[in-house]
PDB file of N, CA and C in Angstrom:
ATOM      1  N   MET A   1     -13.802   0.984  -4.049  1.00  0.00           N
ATOM      2  CA  MET A   1     -13.554  -0.356  -3.551  1.00  0.00           C
ATOM      3  C   MET A   1     -12.381  -0.361  -2.566  1.00  0.00           C
ATOM      4  N   LEU A   2     -11.366   0.457  -2.866  1.00  0.00           N
ATOM      5  CA  LEU A   2     -10.235   0.571  -1.953  1.00  0.00           C
ATOM      6  C   LEU A   2     -10.698   1.096  -0.601  1.00  0.00           C
ATOM      7  N   ASN A   3     -11.534   2.119  -0.623  1.00  0.00           N
ATOM      8  CA  ASN A   3     -12.028   2.691   0.630  1.00  0.00           C
ATOM      9  C   ASN A   3     -12.890   1.705   1.404  1.00  0.00           C
ATOM     10  N   CYS A   4     -13.649   0.874   0.711  1.00  0.00           N
ATOM     11  CA  CYS A   4     -14.458  -0.146   1.394  1.00  0.00           C
ATOM     12  C   CYS A   4     -13.560  -1.178   2.071  1.00  0.00           C
ATOM     13  N   ALA A   5     -12.529  -1.613   1.373  1.00  0.00           N
ATOM     14  CA  ALA A   5     -11.590  -2.572   1.963  1.00  0.00           C
ATOM     15  C   ALA A   5     -10.882  -1.945   3.157  1.00  0.00           C
ATOM     16  N   TYR A   6     -10.538  -0.680   3.041  1.00  0.00           N
ATOM     17  CA  TYR A   6      -9.900   0.052   4.136  1.00  0.00           C
ATOM     18  C   TYR A   6     -10.828   0.096   5.354  1.00  0.00           C
ATOM     19  N   ALA A   7     -12.084   0.425   5.138  1.00  0.00           N
ATOM     20  CA  ALA A   7     -13.048   0.490   6.245  1.00  0.00           C
ATOM     21  C   ALA A   7     -13.240  -0.878   6.890  1.00  0.00           C
ATOM     22  N   ARG A   8     -13.376  -1.918   6.080  1.00  0.00           N
ATOM     23  CA  ARG A   8     -13.531  -3.265   6.641  1.00  0.00           C
ATOM     24  C   ARG A   8     -12.292  -3.672   7.437  1.00  0.00           C
ATOM     25  N   TYR A   9     -11.109  -3.281   6.954  1.00  0.00           N
ATOM     26  CA  TYR A   9      -9.874  -3.570   7.687  1.00  0.00           C
ATOM     27  C   TYR A   9      -9.888  -2.862   9.043  1.00  0.00           C
ATOM     28  N   LEU A  10     -10.285  -1.604   9.041  1.00  0.00           N
ATOM     29  CA  LEU A  10     -10.338  -0.845  10.298  1.00  0.00           C
ATOM     30  C   LEU A  10     -11.338  -1.431  11.286  1.00  0.00           C
ATOM     31  N   PHE A  11     -12.389  -2.063  10.753  1.00  0.00           N
ATOM     32  CA  PHE A  11     -13.384  -2.686  11.619  1.00  0.00           C
ATOM     33  C   PHE A  11     -12.997  -4.103  12.035  1.00  0.00           C
ATOM     34  N   GLY A  12     -11.766  -4.508  11.702  1.00  0.00           N
ATOM     35  CA  GLY A  12     -11.253  -5.762  12.220  1.00  0.00           C
ATOM     36  C   GLY A  12     -11.133  -6.917  11.253  1.00  0.00           C
ATOM     37  N   ASP A  13     -11.510  -6.722  10.006  1.00  0.00           N
ATOM     38  CA  ASP A  13     -11.411  -7.798   9.016  1.00  0.00           C
ATOM     39  C   ASP A  13     -10.001  -7.789   8.417  1.00  0.00           C
ATOM     40  N   LYS A  14      -9.085  -8.481   9.060  1.00  0.00           N
ATOM     41  CA  LYS A  14      -7.676  -8.429   8.689  1.00  0.00           C
ATOM     42  C   LYS A  14      -7.370  -9.025   7.316  1.00  0.00           C
ATOM     43  N   LYS A  15      -8.259  -9.863   6.787  1.00  0.00           N
ATOM     44  CA  LYS A  15      -8.015 -10.415   5.457  1.00  0.00           C
ATOM     45  C   LYS A  15      -8.147  -9.347   4.363  1.00  0.00           C
ATOM     46  N   GLU A  16      -8.698  -8.200   4.706  1.00  0.00           N
ATOM     47  CA  GLU A  16      -8.818  -7.106   3.742  1.00  0.00           C
ATOM     48  C   GLU A  16      -7.460  -6.533   3.356  1.00  0.00           C
ATOM     49  N   LEU A  17      -6.432  -6.788   4.154  1.00  0.00           N
ATOM     50  CA  LEU A  17      -5.097  -6.311   3.799  1.00  0.00           C
ATOM     51  C   LEU A  17      -4.678  -6.855   2.443  1.00  0.00           C
ATOM     52  N   ASP A  18      -4.956  -8.109   2.176  1.00  0.00           N
ATOM     53  CA  ASP A  18      -4.614  -8.698   0.874  1.00  0.00           C
ATOM     54  C   ASP A  18      -5.334  -7.980  -0.263  1.00  0.00           C
ATOM     55  N   ILE A  19      -6.573  -7.612  -0.038  1.00  0.00           N
ATOM     56  CA  ILE A  19      -7.348  -6.900  -1.059  1.00  0.00           C
ATOM     57  C   ILE A  19      -6.760  -5.515  -1.279  1.00  0.00           C
ATOM     58  N   ILE A  20      -6.415  -4.834  -0.191  1.00  0.00           N
ATOM     59  CA  ILE A  20      -5.807  -3.507  -0.303  1.00  0.00           C
ATOM     60  C   ILE A  20      -4.493  -3.600  -1.082  1.00  0.00           C
ATOM     61  N   LEU A  21      -3.674  -4.572  -0.765  1.00  0.00           N
ATOM     62  CA  LEU A  21      -2.391  -4.727  -1.446  1.00  0.00           C
ATOM     63  C   LEU A  21      -2.561  -4.981  -2.944  1.00  0.00           C
ATOM     64  N   LYS A  22      -3.634  -5.631  -3.338  1.00  0.00           N
ATOM     65  CA  LYS A  22      -3.871  -5.901  -4.765  1.00  0.00           C
ATOM     66  C   LYS A  22      -4.076  -4.617  -5.558  1.00  0.00           C
ATOM     67  N   PHE A  23      -4.512  -3.548  -4.887  1.00  0.00           N
ATOM     68  CA  PHE A  23      -4.691  -2.279  -5.586  1.00  0.00           C
ATOM     69  C   PHE A  23      -3.359  -1.672  -6.023  1.00  0.00           C
ATOM     70  N   LEU A  24      -2.249  -2.148  -5.489  1.00  0.00           N
ATOM     71  CA  LEU A  24      -0.938  -1.709  -5.970  1.00  0.00           C
ATOM     72  C   LEU A  24      -0.670  -2.190  -7.387  1.00  0.00           C
ATOM     73  N   GLU A  25      -1.480  -3.127  -7.861  1.00  0.00           N
ATOM     74  CA  GLU A  25      -1.352  -3.658  -9.223  1.00  0.00           C
ATOM     75  C   GLU A  25      -2.243  -2.923 -10.226  1.00  0.00           C
ATOM     76  N   SER A  26      -3.005  -1.955  -9.765  1.00  0.00           N
ATOM     77  CA  SER A  26      -3.941  -1.239 -10.631  1.00  0.00           C
ATOM     78  C   SER A  26      -3.208  -0.589 -11.802  1.00  0.00           C
ATOM     79  N   GLU A  27      -3.872  -0.537 -12.951  1.00  0.00           N
ATOM     80  CA  GLU A  27      -3.314   0.153 -14.104  1.00  0.00           C
ATOM     81  C   GLU A  27      -3.351   1.668 -13.913  1.00  0.00           C
ATOM     82  N   ASP A  28      -4.240   2.136 -13.067  1.00  0.00           N
ATOM     83  CA  ASP A  28      -4.406   3.562 -12.795  1.00  0.00           C
ATOM     84  C   ASP A  28      -3.410   3.993 -11.720  1.00  0.00           C
ATOM     85  N   TYR A  29      -2.489   4.862 -12.088  1.00  0.00           N
ATOM     86  CA  TYR A  29      -1.465   5.257 -11.125  1.00  0.00           C
ATOM     87  C   TYR A  29      -2.045   6.037  -9.957  1.00  0.00           C
ATOM     88  N   HIS A  30      -3.184   6.689 -10.157  1.00  0.00           N
ATOM     89  CA  HIS A  30      -3.845   7.390  -9.047  1.00  0.00           C
ATOM     90  C   HIS A  30      -4.265   6.391  -7.962  1.00  0.00           C
ATOM     91  N   ILE A  31      -4.747   5.247  -8.392  1.00  0.00           N
ATOM     92  CA  ILE A  31      -5.163   4.201  -7.450  1.00  0.00           C
ATOM     93  C   ILE A  31      -3.937   3.661  -6.709  1.00  0.00           C
ATOM     94  N   ARG A  32      -2.835   3.471  -7.416  1.00  0.00           N
ATOM     95  CA  ARG A  32      -1.617   2.999  -6.755  1.00  0.00           C
ATOM     96  C   ARG A  32      -1.156   3.990  -5.684  1.00  0.00           C
ATOM     97  N   CYS A  33      -1.194   5.285  -6.012  1.00  0.00           N
ATOM     98  CA  CYS A  33      -0.813   6.308  -5.019  1.00  0.00           C
ATOM     99  C   CYS A  33      -1.780   6.307  -3.836  1.00  0.00           C
ATOM    100  N   ALA A  34      -3.069   6.196  -4.100  1.00  0.00           N
ATOM    101  CA  ALA A  34      -4.052   6.152  -3.021  1.00  0.00           C
ATOM    102  C   ALA A  34      -3.834   4.928  -2.141  1.00  0.00           C
ATOM    103  N   THR A  35      -3.445   3.828  -2.743  1.00  0.00           N
ATOM    104  CA  THR A  35      -3.177   2.602  -1.988  1.00  0.00           C
ATOM    105  C   THR A  35      -1.987   2.789  -1.060  1.00  0.00           C
ATOM    106  N   ILE A  36      -0.960   3.436  -1.545  1.00  0.00           N
ATOM    107  CA  ILE A  36       0.217   3.692  -0.705  1.00  0.00           C
ATOM    108  C   ILE A  36      -0.182   4.525   0.505  1.00  0.00           C
ATOM    109  N   ASN A  37      -0.988   5.548   0.284  1.00  0.00           N
ATOM    110  CA  ASN A  37      -1.446   6.382   1.400  1.00  0.00           C
ATOM    111  C   ASN A  37      -2.332   5.604   2.361  1.00  0.00           C
ATOM    112  N   THR A  38      -3.138   4.701   1.842  1.00  0.00           N
ATOM    113  CA  THR A  38      -3.963   3.851   2.690  1.00  0.00           C
ATOM    114  C   THR A  38      -3.085   2.946   3.544  1.00  0.00           C
ATOM    115  N   LEU A  39      -2.044   2.397   2.945  1.00  0.00           N
ATOM    116  CA  LEU A  39      -1.130   1.533   3.693  1.00  0.00           C
ATOM    117  C   LEU A  39      -0.432   2.289   4.817  1.00  0.00           C
ATOM    118  N   LYS A  40      -0.132   3.561   4.576  1.00  0.00           N
ATOM    119  CA  LYS A  40       0.459   4.380   5.640  1.00  0.00           C
ATOM    120  C   LYS A  40      -0.482   4.470   6.839  1.00  0.00           C
ATOM    121  N   ASP A  41      -1.771   4.585   6.543  1.00  0.00           N
ATOM    122  CA  ASP A  41      -2.772   4.725   7.608  1.00  0.00           C
ATOM    123  C   ASP A  41      -2.967   3.450   8.422  1.00  0.00           C
ATOM    124  N   ILE A  42      -2.814   2.312   7.790  1.00  0.00           N
ATOM    125  CA  ILE A  42      -3.148   1.064   8.492  1.00  0.00           C
ATOM    126  C   ILE A  42      -1.934   0.312   9.024  1.00  0.00           C
ATOM    127  N   MET A  43      -0.736   0.776   8.681  1.00  0.00           N
ATOM    128  CA  MET A  43       0.438   0.021   9.090  1.00  0.00           C
ATOM    129  C   MET A  43       0.593   0.037  10.611  1.00  0.00           C
ATOM    130  N   ASN A  44       0.903  -1.141  11.140  1.00  0.00           N
ATOM    131  CA  ASN A  44       1.157  -1.298  12.566  1.00  0.00           C
ATOM    132  C   ASN A  44       2.225  -2.380  12.742  1.00  0.00           C
ATOM    133  N   ASP A  45       2.526  -2.706  13.980  1.00  0.00           N
ATOM    134  CA  ASP A  45       3.581  -3.696  14.239  1.00  0.00           C
ATOM    135  C   ASP A  45       3.254  -5.074  13.676  1.00  0.00           C
ATOM    136  N   LYS A  46       1.967  -5.404  13.569  1.00  0.00           N
ATOM    137  CA  LYS A  46       1.567  -6.734  13.098  1.00  0.00           C
ATOM    138  C   LYS A  46       1.674  -6.887  11.588  1.00  0.00           C
ATOM    139  N   ASN A  47       1.474  -5.804  10.835  1.00  0.00           N
ATOM    140  CA  ASN A  47       1.484  -5.926   9.380  1.00  0.00           C
ATOM    141  C   ASN A  47       2.668  -5.219   8.718  1.00  0.00           C
ATOM    142  N   LYS A  48       3.517  -4.596   9.509  1.00  0.00           N
ATOM    143  CA  LYS A  48       4.622  -3.788   8.976  1.00  0.00           C
ATOM    144  C   LYS A  48       5.538  -4.574   8.042  1.00  0.00           C
ATOM    145  N   LYS A  49       5.952  -5.749   8.441  1.00  0.00           N
ATOM    146  CA  LYS A  49       6.880  -6.536   7.621  1.00  0.00           C
ATOM    147  C   LYS A  49       6.270  -6.884   6.264  1.00  0.00           C
ATOM    148  N   ILE A  50       5.022  -7.305   6.271  1.00  0.00           N
ATOM    149  CA  ILE A  50       4.338  -7.663   5.025  1.00  0.00           C
ATOM    150  C   ILE A  50       4.279  -6.459   4.089  1.00  0.00           C
ATOM    151  N   ILE A  51       3.843  -5.325   4.626  1.00  0.00           N
ATOM    152  CA  ILE A  51       3.677  -4.133   3.800  1.00  0.00           C
ATOM    153  C   ILE A  51       5.024  -3.650   3.266  1.00  0.00           C
ATOM    154  N   ILE A  52       6.031  -3.582   4.102  1.00  0.00           N
ATOM    155  CA  ILE A  52       7.343  -3.107   3.660  1.00  0.00           C
ATOM    156  C   ILE A  52       7.936  -4.037   2.612  1.00  0.00           C
ATOM    157  N   ASP A  53       7.777  -5.332   2.776  1.00  0.00           N
ATOM    158  CA  ASP A  53       8.280  -6.286   1.775  1.00  0.00           C
ATOM    159  C   ASP A  53       7.625  -6.051   0.417  1.00  0.00           C
ATOM    160  N   ILE A  54       6.324  -5.838   0.412  1.00  0.00           N
ATOM    161  CA  ILE A  54       5.593  -5.591  -0.843  1.00  0.00           C
ATOM    162  C   ILE A  54       6.056  -4.279  -1.477  1.00  0.00           C
ATOM    163  N   ILE A  55       6.187  -3.241  -0.660  1.00  0.00           N
ATOM    164  CA  ILE A  55       6.623  -1.935  -1.173  1.00  0.00           C
ATOM    165  C   ILE A  55       8.008  -2.050  -1.805  1.00  0.00           C
ATOM    166  N   ARG A  56       8.913  -2.753  -1.146  1.00  0.00           N
ATOM    167  CA  ARG A  56      10.269  -2.941  -1.691  1.00  0.00           C
ATOM    168  C   ARG A  56      10.234  -3.627  -3.056  1.00  0.00           C
ATOM    169  N   LYS A  57       9.371  -4.605  -3.193  1.00  0.00           N
ATOM    170  CA  LYS A  57       9.282  -5.351  -4.455  1.00  0.00           C
ATOM    171  C   LYS A  57       8.697  -4.513  -5.579  1.00  0.00           C
ATOM    172  N   LYS A  58       7.878  -3.533  -5.238  1.00  0.00           N
ATOM    173  CA  LYS A  58       7.214  -2.715  -6.263  1.00  0.00           C
ATOM    174  C   LYS A  58       8.140  -1.652  -6.864  1.00  0.00           C
ATOM    175  N   ILE A  59       9.076  -1.156  -6.092  1.00  0.00           N
ATOM    176  CA  ILE A  59       9.892  -0.025  -6.536  1.00  0.00           C
ATOM    177  C   ILE A  59      10.633  -0.281  -7.851  1.00  0.00           C
ATOM    178  N   PRO A  60      11.352  -1.389  -8.011  1.00  0.00           N
ATOM    179  CA  PRO A  60      12.134  -1.560  -9.248  1.00  0.00           C
ATOM    180  C   PRO A  60      11.298  -1.593 -10.538  1.00  0.00           C
ATOM    181  N   ASN A  61      10.076  -2.037 -10.450  1.00  0.00           N
ATOM    182  CA  ASN A  61       9.255  -2.192 -11.653  1.00  0.00           C
ATOM    183  C   ASN A  61       8.307  -1.026 -11.910  1.00  0.00           C
ATOM    184  N   GLU A  62       8.246  -0.082 -10.987  1.00  0.00           N
ATOM    185  CA  GLU A  62       7.308   1.036 -11.155  1.00  0.00           C
ATOM    186  C   GLU A  62       7.827   2.010 -12.213  1.00  0.00           C
ATOM    187  N   LYS A  63       6.986   2.314 -13.183  1.00  0.00           N
ATOM    188  CA  LYS A  63       7.382   3.169 -14.297  1.00  0.00           C
ATOM    189  C   LYS A  63       6.971   4.631 -14.101  1.00  0.00           C
ATOM    190  N   ILE A  64       5.936   4.855 -13.319  1.00  0.00           N
ATOM    191  CA  ILE A  64       5.421   6.211 -13.112  1.00  0.00           C
ATOM    192  C   ILE A  64       6.193   6.870 -11.971  1.00  0.00           C
ATOM    193  N   ARG A  65       6.795   7.999 -12.275  1.00  0.00           N
ATOM    194  CA  ARG A  65       7.676   8.678 -11.315  1.00  0.00           C
ATOM    195  C   ARG A  65       6.965   9.022 -10.004  1.00  0.00           C
ATOM    196  N   SER A  66       5.752   9.544 -10.076  1.00  0.00           N
ATOM    197  CA  SER A  66       5.058   9.949  -8.851  1.00  0.00           C
ATOM    198  C   SER A  66       4.797   8.757  -7.929  1.00  0.00           C
ATOM    199  N   VAL A  67       4.472   7.622  -8.505  1.00  0.00           N
ATOM    200  CA  VAL A  67       4.235   6.420  -7.701  1.00  0.00           C
ATOM    201  C   VAL A  67       5.554   5.930  -7.109  1.00  0.00           C
ATOM    202  N   LYS A  68       6.587   5.937  -7.919  1.00  0.00           N
ATOM    203  CA  LYS A  68       7.892   5.483  -7.440  1.00  0.00           C
ATOM    204  C   LYS A  68       8.370   6.347  -6.274  1.00  0.00           C
ATOM    205  N   VAL A  69       8.184   7.644  -6.374  1.00  0.00           N
ATOM    206  CA  VAL A  69       8.571   8.552  -5.291  1.00  0.00           C
ATOM    207  C   VAL A  69       7.764   8.250  -4.035  1.00  0.00           C
ATOM    208  N   GLU A  70       6.471   8.002  -4.189  1.00  0.00           N
ATOM    209  CA  GLU A  70       5.622   7.647  -3.037  1.00  0.00           C
ATOM    210  C   GLU A  70       6.120   6.360  -2.373  1.00  0.00           C
ATOM    211  N   LEU A  71       6.472   5.377  -3.180  1.00  0.00           N
ATOM    212  CA  LEU A  71       6.983   4.113  -2.647  1.00  0.00           C
ATOM    213  C   LEU A  71       8.295   4.326  -1.898  1.00  0.00           C
ATOM    214  N   GLU A  72       9.189   5.092  -2.497  1.00  0.00           N
ATOM    215  CA  GLU A  72      10.478   5.355  -1.850  1.00  0.00           C
ATOM    216  C   GLU A  72      10.307   6.159  -0.561  1.00  0.00           C
ATOM    217  N   ASP A  73       9.436   7.160  -0.597  1.00  0.00           N
ATOM    218  CA  ASP A  73       9.159   7.955   0.607  1.00  0.00           C
ATOM    219  C   ASP A  73       8.561   7.096   1.711  1.00  0.00           C
ATOM    220  N   PHE A  74       7.724   6.160   1.309  1.00  0.00           N
ATOM    221  CA  PHE A  74       7.127   5.238   2.276  1.00  0.00           C
ATOM    222  C   PHE A  74       8.230   4.491   3.023  1.00  0.00           C
ATOM    223  N   LEU A  75       9.171   3.947   2.274  1.00  0.00           N
ATOM    224  CA  LEU A  75      10.271   3.197   2.907  1.00  0.00           C
ATOM    225  C   LEU A  75      11.122   4.101   3.792  1.00  0.00           C
ATOM    226  N   LEU A  76      11.380   5.319   3.344  1.00  0.00           N
ATOM    227  CA  LEU A  76      12.157   6.238   4.169  1.00  0.00           C
ATOM    228  C   LEU A  76      11.450   6.562   5.476  1.00  0.00           C
ATOM    229  N   GLU A  77      10.148   6.677   5.415  1.00  0.00           N
ATOM    230  CA  GLU A  77       9.371   7.029   6.598  1.00  0.00           C
ATOM    231  C   GLU A  77       9.215   5.869   7.569  1.00  0.00           C
ATOM    232  N   PHE A  78       9.036   4.659   7.055  1.00  0.00           N
ATOM    233  CA  PHE A  78       8.663   3.534   7.918  1.00  0.00           C
ATOM    234  C   PHE A  78       9.716   2.456   8.054  1.00  0.00           C
ATOM    235  N   ASN A  79      10.806   2.539   7.354  1.00  0.00           N
ATOM    236  CA  ASN A  79      11.799   1.477   7.413  1.00  0.00           C
ATOM    237  C   ASN A  79      12.920   1.795   8.344  1.00  0.00           C
TER     238      ASN A  79
END
């Protein structure tokens, strides 16, 4: 489902960003990591602020170390 939302976003359906961001709430940490990588692929000047704000909010509450590291690395790379 994440990949479908990603493809629809790439084809111009900008409302899919909200759907992609919801995958950061998944109980499966693999899905959360995949979502972070997807966000890296789609980030641009138009959506950067939204994505970075969401990533910042996720870091304090993330319990899984690998996901937290991905979130922190994301901010280091794009902030």
